[in-house]
Amino acid sequence: MTETNQQPTPRDLDEAIRKRVIERAMAINTKLLARLATVADDLDVGHHLAALGAMDGMGREIDTMRSLLLLLR
C-alpha cells in the first residue's frame, strides 16, 4: 500500500503566504480609507483638531502596508 504525500508544495506555500499578505494589506487599506473619510468629514465641518486625531497613526499603518507589499517583490 502506498502512502500519499500530504505535504504542501513550496509553490502552494508561497501562494498561501502571498494571499495572506494581500488580504492583510487590503484590510489595512480599507481601514485607512475609512479613517480618511472621517478626516474629510471633520474638515468639512471645520473640526481641524478632530481631523488631526483621526490621522494619528496613519503613517505607521501606511508603512506597515508598504512593508507587506514589498514582501511580494
N, C-alpha and C. Protein backbone atom coordinates (compact mmCIF):
# COMPACT_ATOMS: atom_id res chain seq x y z
N MET A 1 0.84 -1.17 0.00
CA MET A 1 0.00 0.00 0.00
C MET A 1 0.89 1.24 0.00
N THR A 2 0.62 2.17 -0.90
CA THR A 2 1.44 3.38 -0.97
C THR A 2 0.78 4.50 -0.17
N GLU A 3 1.63 5.33 0.35
CA GLU A 3 1.15 6.46 1.15
C GLU A 3 1.24 7.73 0.31
N THR A 4 0.16 8.53 0.31
CA THR A 4 0.17 9.77 -0.47
C THR A 4 0.89 10.85 0.32
N ASN A 5 1.53 11.72 -0.40
CA ASN A 5 2.25 12.83 0.21
C ASN A 5 1.26 13.94 0.55
N GLN A 6 1.11 14.23 1.84
CA GLN A 6 0.19 15.27 2.29
C GLN A 6 0.89 16.61 2.49
N GLN A 7 2.20 16.66 2.24
CA GLN A 7 2.97 17.88 2.40
C GLN A 7 2.62 18.87 1.28
N PRO A 8 2.34 20.13 1.65
CA PRO A 8 2.10 21.12 0.59
C PRO A 8 3.41 21.40 -0.15
N THR A 9 3.28 21.72 -1.41
CA THR A 9 4.47 22.03 -2.19
C THR A 9 4.93 23.45 -1.87
N PRO A 10 6.21 23.74 -2.13
CA PRO A 10 6.69 25.11 -1.90
C PRO A 10 5.86 26.15 -2.65
N ARG A 11 5.42 25.80 -3.84
CA ARG A 11 4.60 26.75 -4.63
C ARG A 11 3.26 27.00 -3.92
N ASP A 12 2.65 25.95 -3.35
CA ASP A 12 1.39 26.12 -2.60
C ASP A 12 1.61 27.00 -1.38
N LEU A 13 2.72 26.80 -0.70
CA LEU A 13 3.03 27.62 0.47
C LEU A 13 3.26 29.07 0.08
N ASP A 14 4.00 29.28 -1.00
CA ASP A 14 4.24 30.65 -1.49
C ASP A 14 2.93 31.34 -1.82
N GLU A 15 2.05 30.61 -2.48
CA GLU A 15 0.76 31.20 -2.87
C GLU A 15 -0.09 31.50 -1.64
N ALA A 16 -0.07 30.63 -0.66
CA ALA A 16 -0.84 30.85 0.57
C ALA A 16 -0.31 32.08 1.32
N ILE A 17 1.01 32.21 1.37
CA ILE A 17 1.61 33.37 2.03
C ILE A 17 1.26 34.65 1.26
N ARG A 18 1.39 34.58 -0.05
CA ARG A 18 1.07 35.74 -0.89
C ARG A 18 -0.39 36.18 -0.68
N LYS A 19 -1.28 35.21 -0.64
CA LYS A 19 -2.70 35.51 -0.44
C LYS A 19 -2.92 36.18 0.92
N ARG A 20 -2.26 35.67 1.95
CA ARG A 20 -2.42 36.23 3.29
C ARG A 20 -1.85 37.64 3.38
N VAL A 21 -0.72 37.88 2.73
CA VAL A 21 -0.12 39.22 2.72
C VAL A 21 -1.06 40.21 2.03
N ILE A 22 -1.61 39.81 0.90
CA ILE A 22 -2.53 40.69 0.17
C ILE A 22 -3.79 40.94 0.99
N GLU A 23 -4.32 39.92 1.65
CA GLU A 23 -5.51 40.11 2.49
C GLU A 23 -5.22 41.12 3.60
N ARG A 24 -4.05 41.01 4.22
CA ARG A 24 -3.69 41.93 5.31
C ARG A 24 -3.53 43.36 4.78
N ALA A 25 -2.88 43.50 3.62
CA ALA A 25 -2.71 44.83 3.02
C ALA A 25 -4.07 45.44 2.66
N MET A 26 -4.96 44.62 2.15
CA MET A 26 -6.31 45.10 1.81
C MET A 26 -7.07 45.54 3.06
N ALA A 27 -6.90 44.81 4.15
CA ALA A 27 -7.57 45.18 5.40
C ALA A 27 -7.05 46.52 5.91
N ILE A 28 -5.75 46.72 5.84
CA ILE A 28 -5.17 48.00 6.26
C ILE A 28 -5.69 49.11 5.35
N ASN A 29 -5.73 48.86 4.05
CA ASN A 29 -6.21 49.85 3.10
C ASN A 29 -7.66 50.25 3.39
N THR A 30 -8.50 49.27 3.67
CA THR A 30 -9.90 49.56 3.99
C THR A 30 -10.00 50.43 5.23
N LYS A 31 -9.21 50.10 6.24
CA LYS A 31 -9.21 50.88 7.48
C LYS A 31 -8.73 52.31 7.22
N LEU A 32 -7.68 52.45 6.41
CA LEU A 32 -7.16 53.78 6.10
C LEU A 32 -8.19 54.62 5.33
N LEU A 33 -8.86 54.00 4.38
CA LEU A 33 -9.87 54.73 3.62
C LEU A 33 -11.01 55.21 4.50
N ALA A 34 -11.41 54.38 5.45
CA ALA A 34 -12.47 54.79 6.39
C ALA A 34 -12.00 55.96 7.24
N ARG A 35 -10.76 55.88 7.69
CA ARG A 35 -10.23 56.97 8.51
C ARG A 35 -10.10 58.26 7.70
N LEU A 36 -9.70 58.15 6.44
CA LEU A 36 -9.62 59.34 5.59
C LEU A 36 -11.00 59.95 5.36
N ALA A 37 -12.02 59.12 5.26
CA ALA A 37 -13.38 59.65 5.13
C ALA A 37 -13.77 60.42 6.38
N THR A 38 -13.36 59.91 7.54
CA THR A 38 -13.61 60.62 8.80
C THR A 38 -12.87 61.95 8.82
N VAL A 39 -11.63 61.94 8.37
CA VAL A 39 -10.85 63.19 8.29
C VAL A 39 -11.57 64.19 7.39
N ALA A 40 -12.03 63.74 6.23
CA ALA A 40 -12.73 64.63 5.29
C ALA A 40 -13.99 65.20 5.92
N ASP A 41 -14.74 64.35 6.62
CA ASP A 41 -15.96 64.83 7.29
C ASP A 41 -15.63 65.86 8.35
N ASP A 42 -14.59 65.60 9.13
CA ASP A 42 -14.19 66.55 10.17
C ASP A 42 -13.78 67.89 9.56
N LEU A 43 -13.02 67.83 8.48
CA LEU A 43 -12.57 69.07 7.83
C LEU A 43 -13.75 69.82 7.22
N ASP A 44 -14.72 69.10 6.68
CA ASP A 44 -15.89 69.75 6.08
C ASP A 44 -16.65 70.61 7.08
N VAL A 45 -16.64 70.21 8.34
CA VAL A 45 -17.37 70.98 9.35
C VAL A 45 -16.44 71.84 10.20
N GLY A 46 -15.18 71.96 9.75
CA GLY A 46 -14.25 72.86 10.41
C GLY A 46 -13.61 72.33 11.68
N HIS A 47 -13.64 71.04 11.89
CA HIS A 47 -13.04 70.44 13.10
C HIS A 47 -11.63 69.94 12.79
N HIS A 48 -10.70 70.89 12.68
CA HIS A 48 -9.34 70.52 12.28
C HIS A 48 -8.63 69.67 13.33
N LEU A 49 -8.93 69.89 14.61
CA LEU A 49 -8.29 69.07 15.65
C LEU A 49 -8.80 67.62 15.61
N ALA A 50 -10.07 67.47 15.33
CA ALA A 50 -10.62 66.12 15.19
C ALA A 50 -9.99 65.41 13.98
N ALA A 51 -9.78 66.17 12.90
CA ALA A 51 -9.14 65.60 11.71
C ALA A 51 -7.73 65.14 12.05
N LEU A 52 -7.01 65.96 12.82
CA LEU A 52 -5.66 65.57 13.24
C LEU A 52 -5.69 64.29 14.08
N GLY A 53 -6.66 64.18 14.95
CA GLY A 53 -6.79 62.99 15.78
C GLY A 53 -7.09 61.76 14.94
N ALA A 54 -7.93 61.92 13.94
CA ALA A 54 -8.27 60.79 13.07
C ALA A 54 -7.06 60.34 12.25
N MET A 55 -6.15 61.27 11.98
CA MET A 55 -4.96 60.95 11.19
C MET A 55 -3.85 60.33 12.02
N ASP A 56 -3.96 60.40 13.33
CA ASP A 56 -2.91 59.88 14.20
C ASP A 56 -2.68 58.39 13.94
N GLY A 57 -1.45 58.03 13.68
CA GLY A 57 -1.09 56.63 13.46
C GLY A 57 -1.22 56.16 12.03
N MET A 58 -1.76 57.00 11.14
CA MET A 58 -1.94 56.57 9.76
C MET A 58 -0.59 56.31 9.08
N GLY A 59 0.41 57.10 9.42
CA GLY A 59 1.73 56.90 8.83
C GLY A 59 2.29 55.52 9.14
N ARG A 60 2.10 55.08 10.37
CA ARG A 60 2.58 53.75 10.76
C ARG A 60 1.83 52.66 9.98
N GLU A 61 0.54 52.86 9.81
CA GLU A 61 -0.24 51.86 9.06
C GLU A 61 0.16 51.84 7.59
N ILE A 62 0.44 53.00 7.02
CA ILE A 62 0.90 53.06 5.64
C ILE A 62 2.26 52.36 5.52
N ASP A 63 3.14 52.60 6.49
CA ASP A 63 4.45 51.93 6.49
C ASP A 63 4.29 50.41 6.59
N THR A 64 3.36 49.96 7.41
CA THR A 64 3.11 48.53 7.54
C THR A 64 2.62 47.95 6.22
N MET A 65 1.69 48.65 5.58
CA MET A 65 1.16 48.19 4.30
C MET A 65 2.27 48.16 3.25
N ARG A 66 3.10 49.19 3.23
CA ARG A 66 4.21 49.23 2.28
C ARG A 66 5.15 48.06 2.51
N SER A 67 5.47 47.77 3.77
CA SER A 67 6.36 46.65 4.09
C SER A 67 5.77 45.32 3.65
N LEU A 68 4.48 45.16 3.87
CA LEU A 68 3.82 43.92 3.43
C LEU A 68 3.90 43.76 1.92
N LEU A 69 3.63 44.84 1.21
CA LEU A 69 3.63 44.76 -0.25
C LEU A 69 5.03 44.54 -0.79
N LEU A 70 6.04 45.06 -0.10
CA LEU A 70 7.42 44.83 -0.54
C LEU A 70 7.80 43.36 -0.41
N LEU A 71 7.15 42.64 0.48
CA LEU A 71 7.42 41.20 0.61
C LEU A 71 7.06 40.44 -0.66
N LEU A 72 6.18 40.99 -1.44
CA LEU A 72 5.69 40.30 -2.64
C LEU A 72 6.58 40.52 -3.87
N ARG A 73 7.62 41.33 -3.72
CA ARG A 73 8.50 41.59 -4.88
C ARG A 73 9.23 40.36 -5.29
